[in-house]
């Protein structure tokens, strides 16, 4: 499978294509149980490109972009849920160049 969708509470879904319904269900976890510090993040990995995008629950609007091939990690803070969704759509539609054009900061934030 091309994509791994890793949910906040440990479930993982493998898919060749990520549907809108799957993406919306995954991202809805960011607004539930935001005080759960043991399970703060969720992510999608594109195994074909080697990129992963992580998002963290709560109001910080934190996302982390990882490039497995280059072993690099970058982050953005203060994003709205709509902007976070746009970034995920770019990842799952193969628009890595567009995704990388954001003003990423080094590290995990």
N, C-alpha and C. Protein backbone atom coordinates (compact mmCIF):
# COMPACT_ATOMS: atom_id res chain seq x y z
N UNK A 1 0.83 -1.17 0.00
CA UNK A 1 0.00 0.00 0.00
C UNK A 1 0.89 1.25 0.00
N UNK A 2 0.39 2.28 -0.64
CA UNK A 2 1.19 3.50 -0.76
C UNK A 2 1.19 4.34 0.51
N UNK A 3 0.04 4.43 1.18
CA UNK A 3 -0.10 5.34 2.32
C UNK A 3 -0.37 4.57 3.61
N UNK A 4 0.18 5.11 4.69
CA UNK A 4 -0.18 4.67 6.04
C UNK A 4 -0.83 5.85 6.74
N UNK A 5 -2.03 5.64 7.26
CA UNK A 5 -2.73 6.65 8.05
C UNK A 5 -2.65 6.20 9.50
N UNK A 6 -1.90 6.92 10.30
CA UNK A 6 -1.68 6.56 11.69
C UNK A 6 -2.52 7.45 12.59
N UNK A 7 -3.44 6.81 13.28
CA UNK A 7 -4.40 7.52 14.12
C UNK A 7 -3.81 7.81 15.49
N UNK A 8 -4.40 8.76 16.19
CA UNK A 8 -3.87 9.19 17.48
C UNK A 8 -3.82 8.08 18.51
N UNK A 9 -4.74 7.15 18.48
CA UNK A 9 -4.81 6.14 19.53
C UNK A 9 -4.30 4.79 19.06
N UNK A 10 -3.41 4.80 18.05
CA UNK A 10 -2.69 3.59 17.69
C UNK A 10 -3.17 2.83 16.48
N UNK A 11 -4.37 3.10 16.00
CA UNK A 11 -4.83 2.40 14.81
C UNK A 11 -4.05 2.88 13.59
N UNK A 12 -3.86 1.97 12.65
CA UNK A 12 -3.17 2.32 11.41
C UNK A 12 -3.96 1.73 10.24
N UNK A 13 -4.20 2.56 9.24
CA UNK A 13 -4.90 2.14 8.04
C UNK A 13 -3.95 2.25 6.86
N UNK A 14 -3.90 1.22 6.05
CA UNK A 14 -3.08 1.23 4.84
C UNK A 14 -4.01 1.44 3.64
N UNK A 15 -3.57 2.26 2.68
CA UNK A 15 -4.42 2.54 1.51
C UNK A 15 -3.56 2.90 0.31
N UNK A 16 -4.05 2.54 -0.86
CA UNK A 16 -3.41 2.98 -2.10
C UNK A 16 -3.83 4.39 -2.46
N UNK A 17 -5.05 4.75 -2.06
CA UNK A 17 -5.60 6.08 -2.28
C UNK A 17 -6.28 6.50 -0.98
N UNK A 18 -6.06 7.75 -0.56
CA UNK A 18 -6.72 8.27 0.63
C UNK A 18 -7.95 9.05 0.18
N UNK A 19 -9.12 8.61 0.62
CA UNK A 19 -10.36 9.28 0.24
C UNK A 19 -10.60 10.50 1.12
N UNK A 20 -11.48 11.38 0.68
CA UNK A 20 -11.87 12.54 1.48
C UNK A 20 -12.43 12.10 2.83
N UNK A 21 -13.22 11.04 2.81
CA UNK A 21 -13.83 10.55 4.04
C UNK A 21 -12.76 10.05 5.02
N UNK A 22 -11.76 9.33 4.50
CA UNK A 22 -10.68 8.85 5.37
C UNK A 22 -9.89 10.01 5.95
N UNK A 23 -9.59 11.00 5.11
CA UNK A 23 -8.83 12.16 5.58
C UNK A 23 -9.62 12.94 6.62
N UNK A 24 -10.89 13.18 6.37
CA UNK A 24 -11.71 13.93 7.32
C UNK A 24 -11.84 13.20 8.65
N UNK A 25 -12.01 11.88 8.60
CA UNK A 25 -12.11 11.09 9.83
C UNK A 25 -10.81 11.18 10.63
N UNK A 26 -9.68 11.08 9.93
CA UNK A 26 -8.39 11.17 10.60
C UNK A 26 -8.21 12.54 11.24
N UNK A 27 -8.45 13.59 10.48
CA UNK A 27 -8.23 14.95 10.99
C UNK A 27 -9.21 15.33 12.10
N UNK A 28 -10.38 14.70 12.13
CA UNK A 28 -11.34 15.00 13.20
C UNK A 28 -10.79 14.60 14.56
N UNK A 29 -9.82 13.70 14.58
CA UNK A 29 -9.21 13.29 15.84
C UNK A 29 -8.43 14.42 16.51
N UNK A 30 -8.06 15.44 15.74
CA UNK A 30 -7.29 16.55 16.30
C UNK A 30 -8.09 17.41 17.26
N UNK A 31 -9.41 17.32 17.20
CA UNK A 31 -10.26 18.14 18.06
C UNK A 31 -10.87 17.34 19.21
N UNK A 32 -10.56 16.07 19.29
CA UNK A 32 -11.11 15.22 20.36
C UNK A 32 -10.03 14.95 21.41
N UNK A 33 -10.43 14.98 22.66
CA UNK A 33 -9.53 14.64 23.76
C UNK A 33 -8.18 15.34 23.65
N UNK A 34 -8.22 16.66 23.46
CA UNK A 34 -6.97 17.39 23.24
C UNK A 34 -6.07 17.41 24.48
N UNK A 35 -6.61 17.07 25.63
CA UNK A 35 -5.80 17.01 26.84
C UNK A 35 -5.02 15.70 26.95
N UNK A 36 -5.24 14.78 26.04
CA UNK A 36 -4.54 13.48 26.04
C UNK A 36 -3.11 13.67 25.53
N UNK A 37 -2.18 13.92 26.47
CA UNK A 37 -0.80 14.18 26.08
C UNK A 37 -0.05 12.92 25.68
N UNK A 38 -0.59 11.77 26.01
CA UNK A 38 0.06 10.51 25.64
C UNK A 38 -0.14 10.20 24.16
N UNK A 39 -1.19 10.72 23.57
CA UNK A 39 -1.52 10.46 22.16
C UNK A 39 -1.79 11.78 21.45
N UNK A 40 -0.77 12.62 21.28
CA UNK A 40 -1.03 13.96 20.76
C UNK A 40 -1.09 14.07 19.24
N UNK A 41 -0.54 13.08 18.51
CA UNK A 41 -0.37 13.30 17.08
C UNK A 41 -0.93 12.17 16.23
N UNK A 42 -1.11 12.52 14.97
CA UNK A 42 -1.51 11.58 13.93
C UNK A 42 -0.67 11.92 12.70
N UNK A 43 -0.59 10.99 11.76
CA UNK A 43 0.20 11.28 10.58
C UNK A 43 -0.16 10.39 9.41
N UNK A 44 0.24 10.87 8.24
CA UNK A 44 0.14 10.08 7.02
C UNK A 44 1.55 9.98 6.44
N UNK A 45 1.93 8.78 6.07
CA UNK A 45 3.19 8.54 5.39
C UNK A 45 2.91 8.11 3.97
N UNK A 46 3.59 8.73 3.03
CA UNK A 46 3.55 8.34 1.62
C UNK A 46 4.80 7.49 1.39
N UNK A 47 4.63 6.18 1.33
CA UNK A 47 5.77 5.27 1.21
C UNK A 47 6.48 5.40 -0.14
N UNK A 48 5.77 5.85 -1.14
CA UNK A 48 6.37 6.01 -2.46
C UNK A 48 7.37 7.17 -2.48
N UNK A 49 7.02 8.28 -1.86
CA UNK A 49 7.89 9.46 -1.87
C UNK A 49 8.82 9.53 -0.65
N UNK A 50 8.44 8.85 0.43
CA UNK A 50 9.23 8.89 1.65
C UNK A 50 8.91 10.06 2.57
N UNK A 51 7.85 10.80 2.27
CA UNK A 51 7.45 11.95 3.08
C UNK A 51 6.35 11.57 4.06
N UNK A 52 6.39 12.18 5.25
CA UNK A 52 5.33 12.03 6.24
C UNK A 52 4.92 13.40 6.73
N UNK A 53 3.64 13.54 7.04
CA UNK A 53 3.12 14.78 7.60
C UNK A 53 2.39 14.44 8.89
N UNK A 54 2.84 15.05 9.99
CA UNK A 54 2.25 14.83 11.30
C UNK A 54 1.49 16.07 11.73
N UNK A 55 0.39 15.87 12.43
CA UNK A 55 -0.37 16.98 13.00
C UNK A 55 -0.65 16.66 14.46
N UNK A 56 -0.65 17.73 15.28
CA UNK A 56 -0.80 17.56 16.72
C UNK A 56 -2.11 18.17 17.19
N UNK A 57 -2.76 17.47 18.11
CA UNK A 57 -4.02 17.94 18.68
C UNK A 57 -3.79 19.21 19.50
N UNK A 58 -4.84 19.97 19.66
CA UNK A 58 -4.77 21.18 20.47
C UNK A 58 -4.83 22.43 19.61
N UNK A 59 -4.63 23.55 20.26
CA UNK A 59 -4.82 24.81 19.56
C UNK A 59 -3.52 25.42 19.02
N UNK A 60 -2.40 24.70 19.10
CA UNK A 60 -1.13 25.24 18.60
C UNK A 60 -1.04 25.21 17.08
N UNK A 61 -1.86 24.38 16.44
CA UNK A 61 -1.82 24.29 14.98
C UNK A 61 -0.47 23.82 14.49
N UNK A 62 0.12 22.84 15.17
CA UNK A 62 1.45 22.35 14.86
C UNK A 62 1.40 21.18 13.88
N UNK A 63 2.17 21.31 12.80
CA UNK A 63 2.37 20.20 11.86
C UNK A 63 3.87 20.02 11.65
N UNK A 64 4.26 18.79 11.38
CA UNK A 64 5.66 18.44 11.17
C UNK A 64 5.76 17.68 9.86
N UNK A 65 6.73 18.06 9.05
CA UNK A 65 6.99 17.43 7.76
C UNK A 65 8.32 16.70 7.85
N UNK A 66 8.31 15.41 7.56
CA UNK A 66 9.52 14.60 7.61
C UNK A 66 9.83 14.04 6.23
N UNK A 67 11.10 14.10 5.85
CA UNK A 67 11.59 13.53 4.60
C UNK A 67 12.54 12.40 4.96
N UNK A 68 12.07 11.18 4.77
CA UNK A 68 12.86 10.01 5.15
C UNK A 68 14.17 9.93 4.37
N UNK A 69 14.14 10.25 3.08
CA UNK A 69 15.33 10.13 2.23
C UNK A 69 16.45 11.08 2.67
N UNK A 70 16.07 12.29 3.04
CA UNK A 70 17.06 13.30 3.44
C UNK A 70 17.24 13.37 4.95
N UNK A 71 16.43 12.61 5.68
CA UNK A 71 16.45 12.61 7.14
C UNK A 71 16.31 14.04 7.69
N UNK A 72 15.31 14.76 7.16
CA UNK A 72 15.07 16.13 7.61
C UNK A 72 13.68 16.23 8.24
N UNK A 73 13.57 17.17 9.16
CA UNK A 73 12.32 17.43 9.85
C UNK A 73 12.11 18.94 9.89
N UNK A 74 10.89 19.35 9.55
CA UNK A 74 10.53 20.77 9.54
C UNK A 74 9.14 20.91 10.16
N UNK A 75 8.81 22.12 10.60
CA UNK A 75 7.50 22.31 11.22
C UNK A 75 6.91 23.67 10.88
N UNK A 76 5.61 23.75 11.10
CA UNK A 76 4.85 25.00 11.03
C UNK A 76 3.96 25.04 12.26
N UNK A 77 3.73 26.25 12.78
CA UNK A 77 2.85 26.45 13.94
C UNK A 77 1.77 27.46 13.58
N UNK A 78 0.69 27.42 14.36
CA UNK A 78 -0.36 28.42 14.23
C UNK A 78 -1.27 28.22 13.04
N UNK A 79 -1.38 26.99 12.57
CA UNK A 79 -2.21 26.71 11.39
C UNK A 79 -3.65 26.43 11.78
N UNK A 80 -4.56 26.84 10.93
CA UNK A 80 -5.98 26.51 11.12
C UNK A 80 -6.22 25.08 10.65
N UNK A 81 -7.35 24.54 11.05
CA UNK A 81 -7.69 23.18 10.61
C UNK A 81 -7.85 23.12 9.09
N UNK A 82 -8.35 24.19 8.48
CA UNK A 82 -8.47 24.22 7.02
C UNK A 82 -7.11 24.17 6.34
N UNK A 83 -6.14 24.91 6.87
CA UNK A 83 -4.80 24.91 6.30
C UNK A 83 -4.13 23.56 6.49
N UNK A 84 -4.32 22.96 7.64
CA UNK A 84 -3.77 21.62 7.87
C UNK A 84 -4.33 20.64 6.86
N UNK A 85 -5.62 20.72 6.59
CA UNK A 85 -6.23 19.82 5.61
C UNK A 85 -5.62 20.05 4.22
N UNK A 86 -5.40 21.31 3.84
CA UNK A 86 -4.79 21.61 2.54
C UNK A 86 -3.41 20.96 2.42
N UNK A 87 -2.63 21.01 3.50
CA UNK A 87 -1.30 20.40 3.47
C UNK A 87 -1.40 18.89 3.27
N UNK A 88 -2.35 18.27 3.94
CA UNK A 88 -2.53 16.82 3.76
C UNK A 88 -2.99 16.48 2.34
N UNK A 89 -3.85 17.29 1.78
CA UNK A 89 -4.30 17.06 0.41
C UNK A 89 -3.11 17.14 -0.55
N UNK A 90 -2.22 18.08 -0.31
CA UNK A 90 -1.02 18.18 -1.15
C UNK A 90 -0.18 16.91 -1.04
N UNK A 91 -0.01 16.40 0.17
CA UNK A 91 0.77 15.18 0.37
C UNK A 91 0.15 14.00 -0.38
N UNK A 92 -1.15 13.78 -0.18
CA UNK A 92 -1.78 12.59 -0.75
C UNK A 92 -2.08 12.71 -2.24
N UNK A 93 -1.93 13.92 -2.79
CA UNK A 93 -2.11 14.08 -4.23
C UNK A 93 -0.77 14.19 -4.96
N UNK A 94 0.32 13.96 -4.21
CA UNK A 94 1.63 13.94 -4.83
C UNK A 94 2.22 15.31 -5.12
N UNK A 95 1.66 16.35 -4.53
CA UNK A 95 2.14 17.73 -4.76
C UNK A 95 3.21 18.09 -3.73
N UNK A 96 4.27 17.30 -3.69
CA UNK A 96 5.32 17.48 -2.70
C UNK A 96 6.02 18.83 -2.91
N UNK A 97 6.29 19.20 -4.15
CA UNK A 97 6.94 20.49 -4.42
C UNK A 97 6.12 21.64 -3.85
N UNK A 98 4.82 21.60 -4.05
CA UNK A 98 3.94 22.64 -3.52
C UNK A 98 3.92 22.62 -1.99
N UNK A 99 3.89 21.43 -1.43
CA UNK A 99 3.92 21.27 0.02
C UNK A 99 5.20 21.88 0.60
N UNK A 100 6.31 21.67 -0.06
CA UNK A 100 7.60 22.15 0.43
C UNK A 100 7.78 23.66 0.28
N UNK A 101 6.90 24.31 -0.46
CA UNK A 101 7.01 25.75 -0.66
C UNK A 101 6.53 26.57 0.54
N UNK A 102 5.93 25.93 1.51
CA UNK A 102 5.51 26.64 2.71
C UNK A 102 6.76 27.13 3.46
N UNK A 103 6.55 28.00 4.42
CA UNK A 103 7.66 28.58 5.18
C UNK A 103 8.04 27.70 6.38
N UNK A 104 8.49 26.50 6.07
CA UNK A 104 8.82 25.53 7.11
C UNK A 104 10.02 26.01 7.92
N UNK A 105 9.98 25.68 9.21
CA UNK A 105 11.08 25.97 10.12
C UNK A 105 11.75 24.64 10.49
N UNK A 106 13.05 24.65 10.74
CA UNK A 106 13.73 23.39 11.05
C UNK A 106 13.26 22.78 12.38
N UNK A 107 13.30 21.47 12.44
CA UNK A 107 13.02 20.73 13.66
C UNK A 107 11.55 20.44 13.89
N UNK A 108 11.29 19.96 15.09
CA UNK A 108 9.93 19.52 15.45
C UNK A 108 9.07 20.63 16.03
N UNK A 109 9.65 21.77 16.33
CA UNK A 109 8.87 22.88 16.84
C UNK A 109 8.56 22.76 18.29
